[in-house]
């Protein structure tokens, strides 16, 4: 299982590699560059599934959304 995902801010295109939590989905993420707070897109369970390069651990393990 991959635990690191690169999040790309849709507002300013800033990229950062973050470690994903394994016991919960992350619903909010503040871009360190422009300070916008990201929320999951409709149909996604977390910000990693919406804006990351790797889906969250729950999706990777096919457990479904948290």
PDB file of N, CA and C in Angstrom:
ATOM      1  N   UNK A   1       0.843  -1.176   0.000  1.00  0.00           N
ATOM      2  CA  UNK A   1       0.000   0.000   0.000  1.00  0.00           C
ATOM      3  C   UNK A   1       0.890   1.241   0.000  1.00  0.00           C
ATOM      4  N   UNK A   2       0.507   2.201  -0.838  1.00  0.00           N
ATOM      5  CA  UNK A   2       1.215   3.483  -0.902  1.00  0.00           C
ATOM      6  C   UNK A   2       0.615   4.423   0.151  1.00  0.00           C
ATOM      7  N   UNK A   3       1.468   5.072   0.931  1.00  0.00           N
ATOM      8  CA  UNK A   3       0.979   6.000   1.945  1.00  0.00           C
ATOM      9  C   UNK A   3       1.319   7.451   1.640  1.00  0.00           C
ATOM     10  N   UNK A   4       2.077   7.685   0.582  1.00  0.00           N
ATOM     11  CA  UNK A   4       2.416   9.060   0.199  1.00  0.00           C
ATOM     12  C   UNK A   4       1.734   9.393  -1.117  1.00  0.00           C
ATOM     13  N   UNK A   5       1.178  10.597  -1.171  1.00  0.00           N
ATOM     14  CA  UNK A   5       0.475  11.054  -2.353  1.00  0.00           C
ATOM     15  C   UNK A   5       0.839  12.520  -2.572  1.00  0.00           C
ATOM     16  N   UNK A   6       0.994  12.907  -3.831  1.00  0.00           N
ATOM     17  CA  UNK A   6       1.289  14.304  -4.137  1.00  0.00           C
ATOM     18  C   UNK A   6      -0.037  15.020  -4.414  1.00  0.00           C
ATOM     19  N   UNK A   7      -0.354  15.981  -3.573  1.00  0.00           N
ATOM     20  CA  UNK A   7      -1.574  16.769  -3.745  1.00  0.00           C
ATOM     21  C   UNK A   7      -1.255  17.987  -4.600  1.00  0.00           C
ATOM     22  N   UNK A   8      -2.107  18.245  -5.588  1.00  0.00           N
ATOM     23  CA  UNK A   8      -1.986  19.438  -6.428  1.00  0.00           C
ATOM     24  C   UNK A   8      -3.176  20.342  -6.153  1.00  0.00           C
ATOM     25  N   UNK A   9      -2.892  21.561  -5.747  1.00  0.00           N
ATOM     26  CA  UNK A   9      -3.955  22.537  -5.488  1.00  0.00           C
ATOM     27  C   UNK A   9      -4.568  22.973  -6.814  1.00  0.00           C
ATOM     28  N   UNK A  10      -5.887  22.871  -6.947  1.00  0.00           N
ATOM     29  CA  UNK A  10      -6.526  23.281  -8.196  1.00  0.00           C
ATOM     30  C   UNK A  10      -6.553  24.798  -8.377  1.00  0.00           C
ATOM     31  N   UNK A  11      -6.322  25.539  -7.313  1.00  0.00           N
ATOM     32  CA  UNK A  11      -6.356  26.997  -7.370  1.00  0.00           C
ATOM     33  C   UNK A  11      -5.035  27.587  -7.870  1.00  0.00           C
ATOM     34  N   UNK A  12      -3.899  27.114  -7.311  1.00  0.00           N
ATOM     35  CA  UNK A  12      -2.601  27.714  -7.652  1.00  0.00           C
ATOM     36  C   UNK A  12      -1.616  26.720  -8.262  1.00  0.00           C
ATOM     37  N   UNK A  13      -2.007  25.439  -8.357  1.00  0.00           N
ATOM     38  CA  UNK A  13      -1.182  24.373  -8.929  1.00  0.00           C
ATOM     39  C   UNK A  13       0.025  23.999  -8.069  1.00  0.00           C
ATOM     40  N   UNK A  14       0.075  24.472  -6.814  1.00  0.00           N
ATOM     41  CA  UNK A  14       1.150  24.093  -5.892  1.00  0.00           C
ATOM     42  C   UNK A  14       1.054  22.591  -5.620  1.00  0.00           C
ATOM     43  N   UNK A  15       2.193  21.927  -5.562  1.00  0.00           N
ATOM     44  CA  UNK A  15       2.237  20.483  -5.322  1.00  0.00           C
ATOM     45  C   UNK A  15       3.023  20.196  -4.055  1.00  0.00           C
ATOM     46  N   UNK A  16       2.547  19.216  -3.305  1.00  0.00           N
ATOM     47  CA  UNK A  16       3.262  18.789  -2.107  1.00  0.00           C
ATOM     48  C   UNK A  16       2.966  17.319  -1.838  1.00  0.00           C
ATOM     49  N   UNK A  17       4.018  16.575  -1.503  1.00  0.00           N
ATOM     50  CA  UNK A  17       3.851  15.172  -1.139  1.00  0.00           C
ATOM     51  C   UNK A  17       3.498  15.108   0.348  1.00  0.00           C
ATOM     52  N   UNK A  18       2.416  14.420   0.632  1.00  0.00           N
ATOM     53  CA  UNK A  18       1.933  14.272   2.009  1.00  0.00           C
ATOM     54  C   UNK A  18       1.747  12.799   2.337  1.00  0.00           C
ATOM     55  N   UNK A  19       1.866  12.465   3.609  1.00  0.00           N
ATOM     56  CA  UNK A  19       1.584  11.104   4.060  1.00  0.00           C
ATOM     57  C   UNK A  19       0.111  11.014   4.431  1.00  0.00           C
ATOM     58  N   UNK A  20      -0.564  10.018   3.881  1.00  0.00           N
ATOM     59  CA  UNK A  20      -1.997   9.858   4.117  1.00  0.00           C
ATOM     60  C   UNK A  20      -2.254   9.121   5.432  1.00  0.00           C
ATOM     61  N   UNK A  21      -3.301   9.512   6.152  1.00  0.00           N
ATOM     62  CA  UNK A  21      -3.674   8.758   7.348  1.00  0.00           C
ATOM     63  C   UNK A  21      -4.233   7.396   6.946  1.00  0.00           C
ATOM     64  N   UNK A  22      -3.958   6.379   7.740  1.00  0.00           N
ATOM     65  CA  UNK A  22      -4.442   5.035   7.402  1.00  0.00           C
ATOM     66  C   UNK A  22      -5.740   4.686   8.126  1.00  0.00           C
ATOM     67  N   UNK A  23      -6.106   5.465   9.149  1.00  0.00           N
ATOM     68  CA  UNK A  23      -7.279   5.119   9.947  1.00  0.00           C
ATOM     69  C   UNK A  23      -8.464   6.055   9.741  1.00  0.00           C
ATOM     70  N   UNK A  24      -8.352   7.021   8.830  1.00  0.00           N
ATOM     71  CA  UNK A  24      -9.450   7.961   8.583  1.00  0.00           C
ATOM     72  C   UNK A  24      -9.242   8.662   7.249  1.00  0.00           C
ATOM     73  N   UNK A  25     -10.337   9.094   6.648  1.00  0.00           N
ATOM     74  CA  UNK A  25     -10.239   9.892   5.428  1.00  0.00           C
ATOM     75  C   UNK A  25     -10.009  11.347   5.808  1.00  0.00           C
ATOM     76  N   UNK A  26      -9.261  12.054   4.982  1.00  0.00           N
ATOM     77  CA  UNK A  26      -9.001  13.473   5.233  1.00  0.00           C
ATOM     78  C   UNK A  26      -9.944  14.298   4.361  1.00  0.00           C
ATOM     79  N   UNK A  27     -10.851  15.004   5.006  1.00  0.00           N
ATOM     80  CA  UNK A  27     -11.888  15.754   4.293  1.00  0.00           C
ATOM     81  C   UNK A  27     -11.450  17.170   3.925  1.00  0.00           C
ATOM     82  N   UNK A  28     -10.488  17.723   4.673  1.00  0.00           N
ATOM     83  CA  UNK A  28     -10.030  19.084   4.417  1.00  0.00           C
ATOM     84  C   UNK A  28      -8.515  19.113   4.315  1.00  0.00           C
ATOM     85  N   UNK A  29      -8.014  19.997   3.449  1.00  0.00           N
ATOM     86  CA  UNK A  29      -6.578  20.170   3.289  1.00  0.00           C
ATOM     87  C   UNK A  29      -6.322  21.624   2.921  1.00  0.00           C
ATOM     88  N   UNK A  30      -5.472  22.305   3.693  1.00  0.00           N
ATOM     89  CA  UNK A  30      -5.147  23.697   3.397  1.00  0.00           C
ATOM     90  C   UNK A  30      -3.865  23.759   2.581  1.00  0.00           C
ATOM     91  N   UNK A  31      -3.946  24.374   1.414  1.00  0.00           N
ATOM     92  CA  UNK A  31      -2.774  24.562   0.570  1.00  0.00           C
ATOM     93  C   UNK A  31      -1.803  25.499   1.287  1.00  0.00           C
ATOM     94  N   UNK A  32      -0.556  25.069   1.426  1.00  0.00           N
ATOM     95  CA  UNK A  32       0.412  25.910   2.128  1.00  0.00           C
ATOM     96  C   UNK A  32       0.821  27.134   1.316  1.00  0.00           C
ATOM     97  N   UNK A  33       0.541  27.143   0.019  1.00  0.00           N
ATOM     98  CA  UNK A  33       0.919  28.270  -0.836  1.00  0.00           C
ATOM     99  C   UNK A  33      -0.156  29.360  -0.859  1.00  0.00           C
ATOM    100  N   UNK A  34      -1.391  29.005  -1.260  1.00  0.00           N
ATOM    101  CA  UNK A  34      -2.442  30.023  -1.406  1.00  0.00           C
ATOM    102  C   UNK A  34      -3.446  30.024  -0.256  1.00  0.00           C
ATOM    103  N   UNK A  35      -3.332  29.051   0.639  1.00  0.00           N
ATOM    104  CA  UNK A  35      -4.167  28.950   1.849  1.00  0.00           C
ATOM    105  C   UNK A  35      -5.626  28.574   1.595  1.00  0.00           C
ATOM    106  N   UNK A  36      -5.973  28.207   0.366  1.00  0.00           N
ATOM    107  CA  UNK A  36      -7.340  27.744   0.098  1.00  0.00           C
ATOM    108  C   UNK A  36      -7.526  26.386   0.789  1.00  0.00           C
ATOM    109  N   UNK A  37      -8.737  26.140   1.289  1.00  0.00           N
ATOM    110  CA  UNK A  37      -9.029  24.863   1.937  1.00  0.00           C
ATOM    111  C   UNK A  37      -9.718  23.962   0.909  1.00  0.00           C
ATOM    112  N   UNK A  38      -9.074  22.850   0.602  1.00  0.00           N
ATOM    113  CA  UNK A  38      -9.624  21.892  -0.357  1.00  0.00           C
ATOM    114  C   UNK A  38     -10.585  20.957   0.339  1.00  0.00           C
ATOM    115  N   UNK A  39     -11.643  20.595  -0.370  1.00  0.00           N
ATOM    116  CA  UNK A  39     -12.620  19.607   0.084  1.00  0.00           C
ATOM    117  C   UNK A  39     -12.749  18.572  -1.025  1.00  0.00           C
ATOM    118  N   UNK A  40     -13.152  17.348  -0.709  1.00  0.00           N
ATOM    119  CA  UNK A  40     -13.292  16.325  -1.756  1.00  0.00           C
ATOM    120  C   UNK A  40     -14.294  16.743  -2.829  1.00  0.00           C
ATOM    121  N   UNK A  41     -14.024  16.342  -4.059  1.00  0.00           N
ATOM    122  CA  UNK A  41     -14.980  16.544  -5.145  1.00  0.00           C
ATOM    123  C   UNK A  41     -16.169  15.613  -4.918  1.00  0.00           C
ATOM    124  N   UNK A  42     -17.294  15.958  -5.495  1.00  0.00           N
ATOM    125  CA  UNK A  42     -18.488  15.130  -5.352  1.00  0.00           C
ATOM    126  C   UNK A  42     -18.199  13.709  -5.833  1.00  0.00           C
ATOM    127  N   UNK A  43     -18.526  12.729  -5.011  1.00  0.00           N
ATOM    128  CA  UNK A  43     -18.300  11.334  -5.348  1.00  0.00           C
ATOM    129  C   UNK A  43     -16.996  10.772  -4.809  1.00  0.00           C
ATOM    130  N   UNK A  44     -16.096  11.629  -4.334  1.00  0.00           N
ATOM    131  CA  UNK A  44     -14.828  11.175  -3.743  1.00  0.00           C
ATOM    132  C   UNK A  44     -14.933  11.194  -2.228  1.00  0.00           C
ATOM    133  N   UNK A  45     -14.176  10.309  -1.572  1.00  0.00           N
ATOM    134  CA  UNK A  45     -14.277  10.225  -0.121  1.00  0.00           C
ATOM    135  C   UNK A  45     -13.324  11.151   0.614  1.00  0.00           C
ATOM    136  N   UNK A  46     -12.269  11.625  -0.062  1.00  0.00           N
ATOM    137  CA  UNK A  46     -11.295  12.463   0.633  1.00  0.00           C
ATOM    138  C   UNK A  46     -10.508  13.321  -0.357  1.00  0.00           C
ATOM    139  N   UNK A  47      -9.696  14.229   0.178  1.00  0.00           N
ATOM    140  CA  UNK A  47      -8.914  15.124  -0.682  1.00  0.00           C
ATOM    141  C   UNK A  47      -7.854  14.373  -1.478  1.00  0.00           C
ATOM    142  N   UNK A  48      -7.353  13.257  -0.966  1.00  0.00           N
ATOM    143  CA  UNK A  48      -6.346  12.482  -1.707  1.00  0.00           C
ATOM    144  C   UNK A  48      -6.959  11.837  -2.948  1.00  0.00           C
ATOM    145  N   UNK A  49      -8.195  11.374  -2.834  1.00  0.00           N
ATOM    146  CA  UNK A  49      -8.869  10.785  -3.996  1.00  0.00           C
ATOM    147  C   UNK A  49      -9.196  11.855  -5.035  1.00  0.00           C
ATOM    148  N   UNK A  50      -9.425  13.090  -4.596  1.00  0.00           N
ATOM    149  CA  UNK A  50      -9.767  14.170  -5.516  1.00  0.00           C
ATOM    150  C   UNK A  50      -8.550  14.862  -6.120  1.00  0.00           C
ATOM    151  N   UNK A  51      -7.519  15.112  -5.321  1.00  0.00           N
ATOM    152  CA  UNK A  51      -6.410  15.961  -5.763  1.00  0.00           C
ATOM    153  C   UNK A  51      -5.040  15.304  -5.686  1.00  0.00           C
ATOM    154  N   UNK A  52      -4.977  14.058  -5.226  1.00  0.00           N
ATOM    155  CA  UNK A  52      -3.696  13.387  -5.065  1.00  0.00           C
ATOM    156  C   UNK A  52      -3.354  12.467  -6.221  1.00  0.00           C
ATOM    157  N   UNK A  53      -2.102  12.042  -6.235  1.00  0.00           N
ATOM    158  CA  UNK A  53      -1.635  11.116  -7.269  1.00  0.00           C
ATOM    159  C   UNK A  53      -1.938   9.672  -6.916  1.00  0.00           C
ATOM    160  N   UNK A  54      -2.208   9.407  -5.654  1.00  0.00           N
ATOM    161  CA  UNK A  54      -2.519   8.057  -5.167  1.00  0.00           C
ATOM    162  C   UNK A  54      -3.817   8.131  -4.375  1.00  0.00           C
ATOM    163  N   UNK A  55      -4.707   7.178  -4.583  1.00  0.00           N
ATOM    164  CA  UNK A  55      -5.962   7.122  -3.816  1.00  0.00           C
ATOM    165  C   UNK A  55      -5.662   6.787  -2.360  1.00  0.00           C
ATOM    166  N   UNK A  56      -6.583   7.140  -1.491  1.00  0.00           N
ATOM    167  CA  UNK A  56      -6.398   6.913  -0.053  1.00  0.00           C
ATOM    168  C   UNK A  56      -6.317   5.417   0.274  1.00  0.00           C
ATOM    169  N   UNK A  57      -5.762   5.081   1.452  1.00  0.00           N
ATOM    170  CA  UNK A  57      -5.625   3.670   1.838  1.00  0.00           C
ATOM    171  C   UNK A  57      -6.927   2.878   1.798  1.00  0.00           C
ATOM    172  N   UNK A  58      -8.046   3.489   2.177  1.00  0.00           N
ATOM    173  CA  UNK A  58      -9.328   2.769   2.150  1.00  0.00           C
ATOM    174  C   UNK A  58      -9.689   2.315   0.744  1.00  0.00           C
ATOM    175  N   UNK A  59      -9.489   3.176  -0.234  1.00  0.00           N
ATOM    176  CA  UNK A  59      -9.782   2.829  -1.627  1.00  0.00           C
ATOM    177  C   UNK A  59      -8.755   1.831  -2.151  1.00  0.00           C
ATOM    178  N   UNK A  60      -7.484   2.010  -1.782  1.00  0.00           N
ATOM    179  CA  UNK A  60      -6.441   1.075  -2.218  1.00  0.00           C
ATOM    180  C   UNK A  60      -6.745  -0.343  -1.740  1.00  0.00           C
ATOM    181  N   UNK A  61      -7.271  -0.460  -0.521  1.00  0.00           N
ATOM    182  CA  UNK A  61      -7.592  -1.784   0.038  1.00  0.00           C
ATOM    183  C   UNK A  61      -8.997  -2.236  -0.336  1.00  0.00           C
ATOM    184  N   UNK A  62      -9.677  -1.449  -1.155  1.00  0.00           N
ATOM    185  CA  UNK A  62     -11.037  -1.765  -1.611  1.00  0.00           C
ATOM    186  C   UNK A  62     -12.008  -1.922  -0.453  1.00  0.00           C
ATOM    187  N   UNK A  63     -11.819  -1.094   0.590  1.00  0.00           N
ATOM    188  CA  UNK A  63     -12.744  -1.081   1.717  1.00  0.00           C
ATOM    189  C   UNK A  63     -13.866  -0.092   1.502  1.00  0.00           C
ATOM    190  N   UNK A  64     -13.781   0.695   0.430  1.00  0.00           N
ATOM    191  CA  UNK A  64     -14.769   1.745   0.198  1.00  0.00           C
ATOM    192  C   UNK A  64     -14.408   2.980   0.997  1.00  0.00           C
ATOM    193  N   UNK A  65     -15.290   3.939   0.955  1.00  0.00           N
ATOM    194  CA  UNK A  65     -15.062   5.198   1.662  1.00  0.00           C
ATOM    195  C   UNK A  65     -15.071   4.970   3.157  1.00  0.00           C
ATOM    196  N   UNK A  66     -14.375   5.847   3.838  1.00  0.00           N
ATOM    197  CA  UNK A  66     -14.261   5.732   5.301  1.00  0.00           C
ATOM    198  C   UNK A  66     -15.581   5.943   5.992  1.00  0.00           C
TER     199      UNK A  66
END
